[in-house]
Amino acid sequence: MTISENQSRSSGRLILFTGPSGVGKNKILDVLFCLHPNQLKYSISTTTRLPRTGEVDGTDYYFVSTQAFESLIAQDGFLEYAQYNGQYYGTPKAKINEWLAAGLDVVLEIETQGALQIMEQVPANQLFSVFILPPEPAIETLRARLQTRNTETPEQIEARLVQSQRELLEAPKFQHQLVNWVVADTAKALSQLLYPETD
């Protein structure tokens, strides 16, 4: 559902940050948060998928069972949720409302499907949406990056690439599209879009 009905424009913004798997979203956000540590909060998503090597529960994601996730759905605990490659992903909303009311901008690094759900529900003046694109040829670039990441089987990579082709078609629906050639440059461009008065 939506963020609190009493949110005013003096409150923070929801920053919807999405793009296909392997495009470099996490690395861009690492740099962005270093540039604006006091202005941004990161919304941790909940998922039913298993942690990858090095991922920490409560830092990277909240890792839960399918039963627990579906219980949260029944309690209206998510701003949005979606299924992606057979697993649930969702955005818990209680903490987001608290941060927005305090005037902080909240970054949601989420699947494209979930971002589109939020864009249908939340007033445009409370949103900042950005889609990160890979350099062309897009699918081959993503394939190479996913293979380098070495966290999934070839079959899983191909499934992600099929999903990526669908996601890339949605890019024009977002306020901003940035091609991630170099992480530091992309993060700087995003910073300038978000906070032009400080750059």
N, C-alpha and C. Protein backbone atom coordinates (compact mmCIF):
# COMPACT_ATOMS: atom_id res chain seq x y z
N MET A 1 0.84 -1.18 0.00
CA MET A 1 0.00 0.00 0.00
C MET A 1 0.87 1.23 0.00
N THR A 2 0.23 2.37 0.11
CA THR A 2 0.96 3.61 -0.04
C THR A 2 1.67 3.99 1.25
N ILE A 3 2.53 5.00 1.15
CA ILE A 3 3.13 5.58 2.33
C ILE A 3 2.05 6.36 3.07
N SER A 4 2.38 6.84 4.24
CA SER A 4 1.39 7.49 5.10
C SER A 4 0.66 8.60 4.35
N GLU A 5 -0.65 8.69 4.59
CA GLU A 5 -1.47 9.68 3.90
C GLU A 5 -1.09 11.11 4.26
N ASN A 6 -0.46 11.29 5.43
CA ASN A 6 -0.16 12.65 5.87
C ASN A 6 1.23 13.13 5.47
N GLN A 7 1.89 12.38 4.57
CA GLN A 7 3.20 12.82 4.11
C GLN A 7 3.06 14.12 3.31
N SER A 8 3.85 15.12 3.62
CA SER A 8 3.85 16.38 2.88
C SER A 8 5.14 16.48 2.08
N ARG A 9 5.21 17.46 1.17
CA ARG A 9 6.41 17.61 0.35
C ARG A 9 7.62 18.02 1.18
N SER A 10 7.38 18.55 2.42
CA SER A 10 8.51 18.88 3.28
C SER A 10 9.15 17.62 3.85
N SER A 11 8.48 16.48 3.70
CA SER A 11 9.06 15.22 4.13
C SER A 11 10.02 14.71 3.07
N GLY A 12 10.64 13.57 3.35
CA GLY A 12 11.60 13.03 2.41
C GLY A 12 10.95 12.44 1.17
N ARG A 13 11.80 12.00 0.24
CA ARG A 13 11.35 11.37 -1.00
C ARG A 13 11.66 9.88 -0.99
N LEU A 14 10.85 9.13 -1.68
CA LEU A 14 11.17 7.75 -2.00
C LEU A 14 12.02 7.76 -3.27
N ILE A 15 13.20 7.21 -3.19
CA ILE A 15 14.07 7.12 -4.35
C ILE A 15 14.00 5.68 -4.87
N LEU A 16 13.32 5.49 -5.99
CA LEU A 16 13.18 4.17 -6.59
C LEU A 16 14.36 3.92 -7.51
N PHE A 17 15.13 2.91 -7.18
CA PHE A 17 16.40 2.66 -7.86
C PHE A 17 16.35 1.23 -8.39
N THR A 18 16.33 1.08 -9.70
CA THR A 18 16.16 -0.25 -10.27
C THR A 18 16.96 -0.41 -11.55
N GLY A 19 16.92 -1.61 -12.07
CA GLY A 19 17.64 -1.96 -13.29
C GLY A 19 17.84 -3.46 -13.30
N PRO A 20 18.27 -4.02 -14.40
CA PRO A 20 18.41 -5.48 -14.51
C PRO A 20 19.53 -6.02 -13.63
N SER A 21 19.42 -7.29 -13.31
CA SER A 21 20.44 -7.96 -12.51
C SER A 21 21.79 -7.92 -13.21
N GLY A 22 22.83 -7.53 -12.46
CA GLY A 22 24.18 -7.47 -13.02
C GLY A 22 24.57 -6.10 -13.54
N VAL A 23 23.67 -5.11 -13.43
CA VAL A 23 23.97 -3.79 -14.00
C VAL A 23 24.86 -2.95 -13.09
N GLY A 24 25.03 -3.36 -11.82
CA GLY A 24 25.93 -2.63 -10.92
C GLY A 24 25.24 -1.73 -9.91
N LYS A 25 24.00 -2.03 -9.59
CA LYS A 25 23.22 -1.14 -8.71
C LYS A 25 23.85 -0.99 -7.33
N ASN A 26 24.26 -2.09 -6.73
CA ASN A 26 24.80 -2.02 -5.37
C ASN A 26 26.08 -1.20 -5.30
N LYS A 27 26.93 -1.33 -6.29
CA LYS A 27 28.19 -0.58 -6.30
C LYS A 27 27.93 0.92 -6.45
N ILE A 28 26.95 1.26 -7.28
CA ILE A 28 26.59 2.68 -7.44
C ILE A 28 26.09 3.25 -6.12
N LEU A 29 25.23 2.50 -5.45
CA LEU A 29 24.67 2.98 -4.18
C LEU A 29 25.74 3.11 -3.11
N ASP A 30 26.72 2.22 -3.10
CA ASP A 30 27.82 2.34 -2.13
C ASP A 30 28.49 3.70 -2.25
N VAL A 31 28.74 4.14 -3.49
CA VAL A 31 29.39 5.44 -3.71
C VAL A 31 28.43 6.57 -3.34
N LEU A 32 27.17 6.45 -3.74
CA LEU A 32 26.19 7.50 -3.46
C LEU A 32 26.04 7.74 -1.96
N PHE A 33 26.00 6.68 -1.18
CA PHE A 33 25.85 6.84 0.27
C PHE A 33 27.10 7.45 0.90
N CYS A 34 28.25 7.22 0.31
CA CYS A 34 29.46 7.90 0.79
C CYS A 34 29.40 9.40 0.52
N LEU A 35 28.77 9.78 -0.60
CA LEU A 35 28.65 11.20 -0.95
C LEU A 35 27.61 11.92 -0.09
N HIS A 36 26.57 11.20 0.34
CA HIS A 36 25.46 11.84 1.08
C HIS A 36 25.05 11.00 2.29
N PRO A 37 25.97 10.80 3.23
CA PRO A 37 25.66 9.89 4.35
C PRO A 37 24.56 10.39 5.28
N ASN A 38 24.34 11.69 5.34
CA ASN A 38 23.36 12.24 6.29
C ASN A 38 22.00 12.54 5.67
N GLN A 39 21.89 12.37 4.36
CA GLN A 39 20.64 12.70 3.67
C GLN A 39 19.84 11.47 3.26
N LEU A 40 20.50 10.32 3.25
CA LEU A 40 19.89 9.12 2.69
C LEU A 40 19.76 7.99 3.71
N LYS A 41 18.68 7.25 3.59
CA LYS A 41 18.49 6.00 4.33
C LYS A 41 18.24 4.90 3.31
N TYR A 42 18.69 3.70 3.65
CA TYR A 42 18.52 2.56 2.74
C TYR A 42 17.46 1.62 3.28
N SER A 43 16.43 1.39 2.50
CA SER A 43 15.37 0.46 2.89
C SER A 43 15.82 -0.97 2.58
N ILE A 44 15.92 -1.78 3.61
CA ILE A 44 16.33 -3.17 3.44
C ILE A 44 15.12 -4.01 3.03
N SER A 45 15.23 -4.71 1.93
CA SER A 45 14.15 -5.53 1.43
C SER A 45 14.10 -6.87 2.16
N THR A 46 12.94 -7.48 2.10
CA THR A 46 12.74 -8.83 2.64
C THR A 46 12.64 -9.79 1.47
N THR A 47 13.27 -10.96 1.60
CA THR A 47 13.23 -11.94 0.51
C THR A 47 13.17 -13.36 1.05
N THR A 48 12.64 -14.24 0.22
CA THR A 48 12.62 -15.66 0.57
C THR A 48 13.79 -16.42 -0.06
N ARG A 49 14.62 -15.74 -0.87
CA ARG A 49 15.75 -16.46 -1.45
C ARG A 49 16.83 -16.67 -0.40
N LEU A 50 17.71 -17.61 -0.66
CA LEU A 50 18.80 -17.89 0.26
C LEU A 50 19.89 -16.82 0.13
N PRO A 51 20.61 -16.52 1.22
CA PRO A 51 21.71 -15.54 1.13
C PRO A 51 22.81 -16.02 0.19
N ARG A 52 23.38 -15.06 -0.55
CA ARG A 52 24.59 -15.36 -1.31
C ARG A 52 25.79 -15.28 -0.37
N THR A 53 26.90 -15.78 -0.82
CA THR A 53 28.12 -15.74 -0.02
C THR A 53 28.44 -14.31 0.40
N GLY A 54 28.61 -14.10 1.68
CA GLY A 54 28.96 -12.78 2.21
C GLY A 54 27.77 -11.91 2.59
N GLU A 55 26.57 -12.28 2.18
CA GLU A 55 25.39 -11.48 2.54
C GLU A 55 25.00 -11.73 3.99
N VAL A 56 24.54 -10.66 4.65
CA VAL A 56 24.22 -10.71 6.07
C VAL A 56 22.76 -10.38 6.29
N ASP A 57 22.07 -11.21 7.04
CA ASP A 57 20.66 -10.96 7.37
C ASP A 57 20.55 -9.66 8.15
N GLY A 58 19.62 -8.79 7.72
CA GLY A 58 19.43 -7.52 8.40
C GLY A 58 20.33 -6.41 7.89
N THR A 59 21.27 -6.75 7.02
CA THR A 59 22.15 -5.74 6.40
C THR A 59 21.91 -5.68 4.89
N ASP A 60 21.97 -6.85 4.25
CA ASP A 60 21.72 -6.92 2.80
C ASP A 60 20.24 -7.12 2.51
N TYR A 61 19.65 -8.05 3.20
CA TYR A 61 18.22 -8.35 3.12
C TYR A 61 17.76 -8.87 4.47
N TYR A 62 16.45 -8.90 4.67
CA TYR A 62 15.87 -9.73 5.71
C TYR A 62 15.51 -11.04 5.02
N PHE A 63 16.17 -12.12 5.40
CA PHE A 63 15.93 -13.42 4.78
C PHE A 63 14.89 -14.17 5.62
N VAL A 64 13.77 -14.51 5.00
CA VAL A 64 12.68 -15.16 5.72
C VAL A 64 12.15 -16.35 4.91
N SER A 65 11.35 -17.17 5.57
CA SER A 65 10.70 -18.29 4.88
C SER A 65 9.52 -17.79 4.05
N THR A 66 9.08 -18.63 3.13
CA THR A 66 7.90 -18.28 2.33
C THR A 66 6.69 -18.09 3.24
N GLN A 67 6.55 -18.94 4.25
CA GLN A 67 5.43 -18.83 5.18
C GLN A 67 5.45 -17.49 5.92
N ALA A 68 6.63 -17.09 6.38
CA ALA A 68 6.75 -15.82 7.10
C ALA A 68 6.45 -14.64 6.18
N PHE A 69 6.90 -14.73 4.94
CA PHE A 69 6.65 -13.65 3.98
C PHE A 69 5.15 -13.51 3.72
N GLU A 70 4.51 -14.63 3.50
CA GLU A 70 3.07 -14.58 3.20
C GLU A 70 2.26 -14.12 4.40
N SER A 71 2.77 -14.38 5.60
CA SER A 71 2.12 -13.85 6.80
C SER A 71 2.21 -12.32 6.84
N LEU A 72 3.36 -11.77 6.44
CA LEU A 72 3.52 -10.31 6.38
C LEU A 72 2.61 -9.70 5.31
N ILE A 73 2.43 -10.40 4.20
CA ILE A 73 1.50 -9.92 3.17
C ILE A 73 0.10 -9.79 3.78
N ALA A 74 -0.31 -10.82 4.51
CA ALA A 74 -1.65 -10.82 5.11
C ALA A 74 -1.82 -9.69 6.13
N GLN A 75 -0.72 -9.25 6.75
CA GLN A 75 -0.76 -8.17 7.73
C GLN A 75 -0.58 -6.79 7.10
N ASP A 76 -0.55 -6.71 5.76
CA ASP A 76 -0.34 -5.46 5.04
C ASP A 76 0.97 -4.80 5.44
N GLY A 77 2.00 -5.63 5.56
CA GLY A 77 3.29 -5.15 6.04
C GLY A 77 4.23 -4.64 4.98
N PHE A 78 3.83 -4.72 3.70
CA PHE A 78 4.73 -4.33 2.62
C PHE A 78 4.20 -3.13 1.84
N LEU A 79 5.12 -2.25 1.48
CA LEU A 79 4.79 -1.18 0.55
C LEU A 79 4.54 -1.77 -0.84
N GLU A 80 5.33 -2.76 -1.21
CA GLU A 80 5.14 -3.52 -2.44
C GLU A 80 5.81 -4.86 -2.25
N TYR A 81 5.39 -5.81 -3.06
CA TYR A 81 6.09 -7.09 -3.11
C TYR A 81 5.89 -7.71 -4.48
N ALA A 82 6.79 -8.62 -4.82
CA ALA A 82 6.72 -9.26 -6.13
C ALA A 82 7.43 -10.60 -6.06
N GLN A 83 7.15 -11.45 -7.03
CA GLN A 83 7.88 -12.70 -7.19
C GLN A 83 8.84 -12.55 -8.36
N TYR A 84 10.07 -13.00 -8.16
CA TYR A 84 11.12 -12.86 -9.15
C TYR A 84 11.93 -14.14 -9.15
N ASN A 85 11.96 -14.83 -10.29
CA ASN A 85 12.65 -16.12 -10.38
C ASN A 85 12.23 -17.09 -9.28
N GLY A 86 10.93 -17.10 -8.97
CA GLY A 86 10.40 -18.06 -8.03
C GLY A 86 10.54 -17.69 -6.56
N GLN A 87 11.07 -16.50 -6.28
CA GLN A 87 11.25 -16.06 -4.89
C GLN A 87 10.50 -14.75 -4.66
N TYR A 88 10.03 -14.56 -3.42
CA TYR A 88 9.39 -13.31 -3.04
C TYR A 88 10.44 -12.25 -2.69
N TYR A 89 10.14 -11.01 -3.07
CA TYR A 89 10.90 -9.83 -2.63
C TYR A 89 9.88 -8.77 -2.23
N GLY A 90 10.11 -8.08 -1.12
CA GLY A 90 9.17 -7.05 -0.70
C GLY A 90 9.83 -5.94 0.09
N THR A 91 9.13 -4.81 0.18
CA THR A 91 9.63 -3.62 0.88
C THR A 91 8.80 -3.37 2.13
N PRO A 92 9.34 -3.65 3.32
CA PRO A 92 8.60 -3.35 4.56
C PRO A 92 8.38 -1.85 4.69
N LYS A 93 7.18 -1.44 5.11
CA LYS A 93 6.87 -0.01 5.04
C LYS A 93 6.94 0.77 6.33
N ALA A 94 6.95 0.12 7.50
CA ALA A 94 6.87 0.86 8.77
C ALA A 94 8.04 1.83 8.93
N LYS A 95 9.26 1.35 8.72
CA LYS A 95 10.45 2.19 8.91
C LYS A 95 10.51 3.30 7.86
N ILE A 96 10.05 3.00 6.66
CA ILE A 96 10.06 4.01 5.59
C ILE A 96 9.24 5.22 5.99
N ASN A 97 8.05 4.99 6.52
CA ASN A 97 7.19 6.10 6.94
C ASN A 97 7.87 6.97 7.99
N GLU A 98 8.55 6.32 8.90
CA GLU A 98 9.25 7.04 9.98
C GLU A 98 10.35 7.94 9.40
N TRP A 99 11.14 7.41 8.49
CA TRP A 99 12.24 8.18 7.90
C TRP A 99 11.72 9.33 7.05
N LEU A 100 10.70 9.06 6.24
CA LEU A 100 10.14 10.12 5.40
C LEU A 100 9.59 11.27 6.23
N ALA A 101 8.92 10.93 7.33
CA ALA A 101 8.36 11.97 8.20
C ALA A 101 9.45 12.82 8.82
N ALA A 102 10.65 12.24 8.97
CA ALA A 102 11.80 12.98 9.53
C ALA A 102 12.53 13.79 8.47
N GLY A 103 12.03 13.77 7.23
CA GLY A 103 12.64 14.57 6.17
C GLY A 103 13.80 13.92 5.46
N LEU A 104 13.98 12.62 5.65
CA LEU A 104 15.08 11.91 5.01
C LEU A 104 14.62 11.28 3.70
N ASP A 105 15.53 11.20 2.74
CA ASP A 105 15.25 10.50 1.50
C ASP A 105 15.56 9.02 1.69
N VAL A 106 14.67 8.16 1.21
CA VAL A 106 14.80 6.72 1.43
C VAL A 106 15.01 6.02 0.09
N VAL A 107 16.12 5.31 -0.02
CA VAL A 107 16.46 4.59 -1.24
C VAL A 107 15.85 3.20 -1.20
N LEU A 108 15.07 2.88 -2.23
CA LEU A 108 14.53 1.54 -2.41
C LEU A 108 15.20 0.94 -3.63
N GLU A 109 16.13 0.03 -3.41
CA GLU A 109 16.78 -0.68 -4.51
C GLU A 109 15.98 -1.96 -4.70
N ILE A 110 15.07 -1.95 -5.67
CA ILE A 110 14.09 -3.01 -5.79
C ILE A 110 13.95 -3.49 -7.23
N GLU A 111 13.27 -4.61 -7.38
CA GLU A 111 12.99 -5.14 -8.72
C GLU A 111 12.10 -4.15 -9.48
N THR A 112 12.24 -4.15 -10.78
CA THR A 112 11.50 -3.21 -11.62
C THR A 112 9.99 -3.35 -11.43
N GLN A 113 9.51 -4.56 -11.31
CA GLN A 113 8.08 -4.80 -11.11
C GLN A 113 7.58 -4.09 -9.85
N GLY A 114 8.35 -4.20 -8.78
CA GLY A 114 7.97 -3.55 -7.53
C GLY A 114 8.01 -2.04 -7.64
N ALA A 115 9.01 -1.51 -8.35
CA ALA A 115 9.11 -0.06 -8.53
C ALA A 115 7.89 0.47 -9.28
N LEU A 116 7.46 -0.26 -10.29
CA LEU A 116 6.29 0.17 -11.06
C LEU A 116 5.02 0.15 -10.20
N GLN A 117 4.93 -0.83 -9.30
CA GLN A 117 3.80 -0.86 -8.38
C GLN A 117 3.75 0.41 -7.54
N ILE A 118 4.89 0.81 -7.01
CA ILE A 118 4.95 1.99 -6.15
C ILE A 118 4.63 3.25 -6.95
N MET A 119 5.10 3.33 -8.18
CA MET A 119 4.84 4.50 -9.01
C MET A 119 3.36 4.68 -9.29
N GLU A 120 2.59 3.60 -9.25
CA GLU A 120 1.15 3.70 -9.45
C GLU A 120 0.41 4.17 -8.20
N GLN A 121 1.05 4.06 -7.03
CA GLN A 121 0.38 4.29 -5.76
C GLN A 121 0.77 5.59 -5.07
N VAL A 122 1.99 6.05 -5.29
CA VAL A 122 2.54 7.16 -4.53
C VAL A 122 2.57 8.42 -5.41
N PRO A 123 2.15 9.58 -4.89
CA PRO A 123 2.18 10.82 -5.67
C PRO A 123 3.57 11.11 -6.24
N ALA A 124 3.59 11.62 -7.46
CA ALA A 124 4.85 11.85 -8.17
C ALA A 124 5.78 12.80 -7.43
N ASN A 125 5.21 13.77 -6.66
CA ASN A 125 6.08 14.72 -5.97
C ASN A 125 6.75 14.12 -4.74
N GLN A 126 6.43 12.88 -4.41
CA GLN A 126 7.10 12.20 -3.32
C GLN A 126 8.09 11.15 -3.82
N LEU A 127 8.28 11.09 -5.14
CA LEU A 127 9.11 10.06 -5.74
C LEU A 127 10.26 10.65 -6.56
N PHE A 128 11.33 9.89 -6.63
CA PHE A 128 12.43 10.13 -7.56
C PHE A 128 12.76 8.75 -8.12
N SER A 129 12.55 8.54 -9.40
CA SER A 129 12.76 7.20 -9.96
C SER A 129 13.89 7.20 -10.98
N VAL A 130 14.74 6.18 -10.90
CA VAL A 130 15.88 6.08 -11.81
C VAL A 130 16.07 4.62 -12.21
N PHE A 131 16.33 4.42 -13.50
CA PHE A 131 16.58 3.09 -14.05
C PHE A 131 18.02 3.06 -14.54
N ILE A 132 18.78 2.08 -14.06
CA ILE A 132 20.18 1.93 -14.46
C ILE A 132 20.26 0.96 -15.63
N LEU A 133 20.88 1.41 -16.71
CA LEU A 133 21.02 0.62 -17.93
C LEU A 133 22.45 0.13 -18.11
N PRO A 134 22.64 -1.04 -18.70
CA PRO A 134 23.98 -1.48 -19.06
C PRO A 134 24.40 -0.88 -20.39
N PRO A 135 25.70 -0.75 -20.62
CA PRO A 135 26.15 -0.36 -21.96
C PRO A 135 25.72 -1.38 -23.00
N GLU A 136 25.52 -0.90 -24.22
CA GLU A 136 25.19 -1.82 -25.32
C GLU A 136 26.44 -2.62 -25.74
N PRO A 137 26.26 -3.88 -26.19
CA PRO A 137 25.00 -4.62 -26.28
C PRO A 137 24.52 -5.05 -24.90
N ALA A 138 23.33 -4.65 -24.52
CA ALA A 138 22.87 -4.75 -23.15
C ALA A 138 22.90 -6.17 -22.59
N ILE A 139 22.30 -7.11 -23.29
CA ILE A 139 22.18 -8.46 -22.75
C ILE A 139 23.55 -9.13 -22.65
N GLU A 140 24.40 -8.92 -23.65
CA GLU A 140 25.74 -9.52 -23.59
C GLU A 140 26.56 -8.90 -22.46
N THR A 141 26.41 -7.60 -22.24
CA THR A 141 27.10 -6.95 -21.12
C THR A 141 26.65 -7.55 -19.79
N LEU A 142 25.33 -7.72 -19.64
CA LEU A 142 24.80 -8.30 -18.40
C LEU A 142 25.25 -9.74 -18.23
N ARG A 143 25.25 -10.50 -19.32
CA ARG A 143 25.70 -11.90 -19.23
C ARG A 143 27.14 -11.98 -18.72
N ALA A 144 28.00 -11.14 -19.28
CA ALA A 144 29.41 -11.14 -18.86
C ALA A 144 29.55 -10.76 -17.39
N ARG A 145 28.78 -9.76 -16.94
CA ARG A 145 28.88 -9.33 -15.55
C ARG A 145 28.35 -10.40 -14.60
N LEU A 146 27.25 -11.05 -14.96
CA LEU A 146 26.70 -12.11 -14.11
C LEU A 146 27.65 -13.30 -14.05
N GLN A 147 28.29 -13.62 -15.15
CA GLN A 147 29.24 -14.73 -15.14
C GLN A 147 30.45 -14.40 -14.27
N THR A 148 30.89 -13.15 -14.33
CA THR A 148 32.02 -12.71 -13.51
C THR A 148 31.67 -12.76 -12.02
N ARG A 149 30.42 -12.46 -11.69
CA ARG A 149 29.96 -12.48 -10.30
C ARG A 149 30.05 -13.88 -9.71
N ASN A 150 29.83 -14.90 -10.54
CA ASN A 150 30.02 -16.29 -10.17
C ASN A 150 29.21 -16.71 -8.94
N THR A 151 27.96 -16.25 -8.88
CA THR A 151 27.10 -16.59 -7.74
C THR A 151 25.93 -17.49 -8.15
N GLU A 152 25.79 -17.75 -9.46
CA GLU A 152 24.63 -18.50 -9.94
C GLU A 152 25.02 -19.49 -11.02
N THR A 153 24.19 -20.49 -11.22
CA THR A 153 24.42 -21.47 -12.27
C THR A 153 24.15 -20.86 -13.64
N PRO A 154 24.65 -21.47 -14.71
CA PRO A 154 24.34 -20.96 -16.05
C PRO A 154 22.84 -20.88 -16.31
N GLU A 155 22.08 -21.85 -15.79
CA GLU A 155 20.63 -21.84 -15.99
C GLU A 155 20.00 -20.65 -15.28
N GLN A 156 20.47 -20.36 -14.07
CA GLN A 156 19.95 -19.21 -13.32
C GLN A 156 20.30 -17.90 -14.02
N ILE A 157 21.50 -17.82 -14.57
CA ILE A 157 21.91 -16.61 -15.30
C ILE A 157 21.01 -16.40 -16.51
N GLU A 158 20.74 -17.46 -17.25
CA GLU A 158 19.88 -17.31 -18.44
C GLU A 158 18.47 -16.88 -18.04
N ALA A 159 17.97 -17.41 -16.92
CA ALA A 159 16.65 -16.99 -16.44
C ALA A 159 16.64 -15.51 -16.09
N ARG A 160 17.71 -15.04 -15.48
CA ARG A 160 17.82 -13.61 -15.15
C ARG A 160 17.87 -12.76 -16.42
N LEU A 161 18.54 -13.25 -17.44
CA LEU A 161 18.65 -12.47 -18.68
C LEU A 161 17.31 -12.37 -19.40
N VAL A 162 16.51 -13.42 -19.33
CA VAL A 162 15.15 -13.36 -19.89
C VAL A 162 14.35 -12.29 -19.16
N GLN A 163 14.47 -12.28 -17.83
CA GLN A 163 13.79 -11.25 -17.03
C GLN A 163 14.34 -9.86 -17.37
N SER A 164 15.64 -9.77 -17.56
CA SER A 164 16.26 -8.47 -17.87
C SER A 164 15.73 -7.88 -19.17
N GLN A 165 15.50 -8.73 -20.16
CA GLN A 165 14.96 -8.24 -21.43
C GLN A 165 13.60 -7.58 -21.23
N ARG A 166 12.78 -8.16 -20.37
CA ARG A 166 11.47 -7.57 -20.07
C ARG A 166 11.64 -6.26 -19.30
N GLU A 167 12.58 -6.24 -18.35
CA GLU A 167 12.78 -5.05 -17.53
C GLU A 167 13.28 -3.87 -18.36
N LEU A 168 14.17 -4.12 -19.30
CA LEU A 168 14.73 -3.04 -20.11
C LEU A 168 13.65 -2.31 -20.90
N LEU A 169 12.59 -2.99 -21.24
CA LEU A 169 11.48 -2.35 -21.95
C LEU A 169 10.75 -1.33 -21.08
N GLU A 170 10.89 -1.44 -19.77
CA GLU A 170 10.20 -0.55 -18.84
C GLU A 170 10.99 0.72 -18.52
N ALA A 171 12.23 0.79 -18.95
CA ALA A 171 13.10 1.92 -18.59
C ALA A 171 12.49 3.29 -18.89
N PRO A 172 11.81 3.48 -20.03
CA PRO A 172 11.26 4.82 -20.33
C PRO A 172 10.20 5.29 -19.34
N LYS A 173 9.66 4.40 -18.52
CA LYS A 173 8.63 4.80 -17.56
C LYS A 173 9.22 5.51 -16.34
N PHE A 174 10.55 5.50 -16.22
CA PHE A 174 11.21 6.10 -15.06
C PHE A 174 11.65 7.53 -15.38
N GLN A 175 11.69 8.36 -14.36
CA GLN A 175 12.03 9.77 -14.55
C GLN A 175 13.42 9.96 -15.15
N HIS A 176 14.35 9.10 -14.76
CA HIS A 176 15.73 9.21 -15.21
C HIS A 176 16.25 7.84 -15.62
N GLN A 177 17.08 7.82 -16.68
CA GLN A 177 17.78 6.61 -17.08
C GLN A 177 19.27 6.94 -17.19
N LEU A 178 20.09 6.13 -16.53
CA LEU A 178 21.53 6.34 -16.56
C LEU A 178 22.22 5.06 -17.03
N VAL A 179 23.14 5.21 -17.98
CA VAL A 179 23.93 4.06 -18.44
C VAL A 179 25.16 3.93 -17.56
N ASN A 180 25.34 2.75 -16.99
CA ASN A 180 26.44 2.53 -16.05
C ASN A 180 27.69 2.04 -16.79
N TRP A 181 28.44 3.00 -17.31
CA TRP A 181 29.74 2.68 -17.90
C TRP A 181 30.79 2.51 -16.81
N VAL A 182 30.89 3.52 -15.95
CA VAL A 182 31.87 3.51 -14.85
C VAL A 182 31.10 3.85 -13.56
N VAL A 183 31.25 3.02 -12.54
CA VAL A 183 30.44 3.16 -11.33
C VAL A 183 30.57 4.55 -10.71
N ALA A 184 31.79 5.05 -10.56
CA ALA A 184 31.98 6.34 -9.91
C ALA A 184 31.31 7.47 -10.69
N ASP A 185 31.39 7.40 -12.01
CA ASP A 185 30.77 8.43 -12.85
C ASP A 185 29.24 8.36 -12.77
N THR A 186 28.70 7.15 -12.75
CA THR A 186 27.25 6.99 -12.66
C THR A 186 26.74 7.49 -11.32
N ALA A 187 27.46 7.18 -10.25
CA ALA A 187 27.06 7.66 -8.93
C ALA A 187 27.11 9.18 -8.85
N LYS A 188 28.11 9.79 -9.46
CA LYS A 188 28.22 11.25 -9.46
C LYS A 188 27.07 11.88 -10.24
N ALA A 189 26.72 11.28 -11.38
CA ALA A 189 25.60 11.80 -12.17
C ALA A 189 24.30 11.68 -11.39
N LEU A 190 24.12 10.58 -10.68
CA LEU A 190 22.92 10.40 -9.86
C LEU A 190 22.88 11.41 -8.72
N SER A 191 24.03 11.65 -8.11
CA SER A 191 24.12 12.65 -7.05
C SER A 191 23.71 14.03 -7.53
N GLN A 192 24.15 14.40 -8.72
CA GLN A 192 23.81 15.70 -9.27
C GLN A 192 22.33 15.83 -9.58
N LEU A 193 21.70 14.72 -9.97
CA LEU A 193 20.26 14.75 -10.22
C LEU A 193 19.47 14.89 -8.91
N LEU A 194 19.94 14.19 -7.89
CA LEU A 194 19.24 14.20 -6.61
C LEU A 194 19.42 15.51 -5.84
N TYR A 195 20.64 15.99 -5.82
CA TYR A 195 20.97 17.15 -4.99
C TYR A 195 21.75 18.18 -5.80
N PRO A 196 21.11 18.78 -6.79
CA PRO A 196 21.83 19.71 -7.67
C PRO A 196 22.38 20.92 -6.91
N GLU A 197 21.77 21.26 -5.79
CA GLU A 197 22.22 22.43 -5.04
C GLU A 197 23.53 22.19 -4.28
N THR A 198 23.93 20.92 -4.15
CA THR A 198 25.13 20.62 -3.37
C THR A 198 26.31 20.20 -4.24
N ASP A 199 26.07 19.98 -5.54
CA ASP A 199 27.14 19.50 -6.43
C ASP A 199 27.66 20.60 -7.33
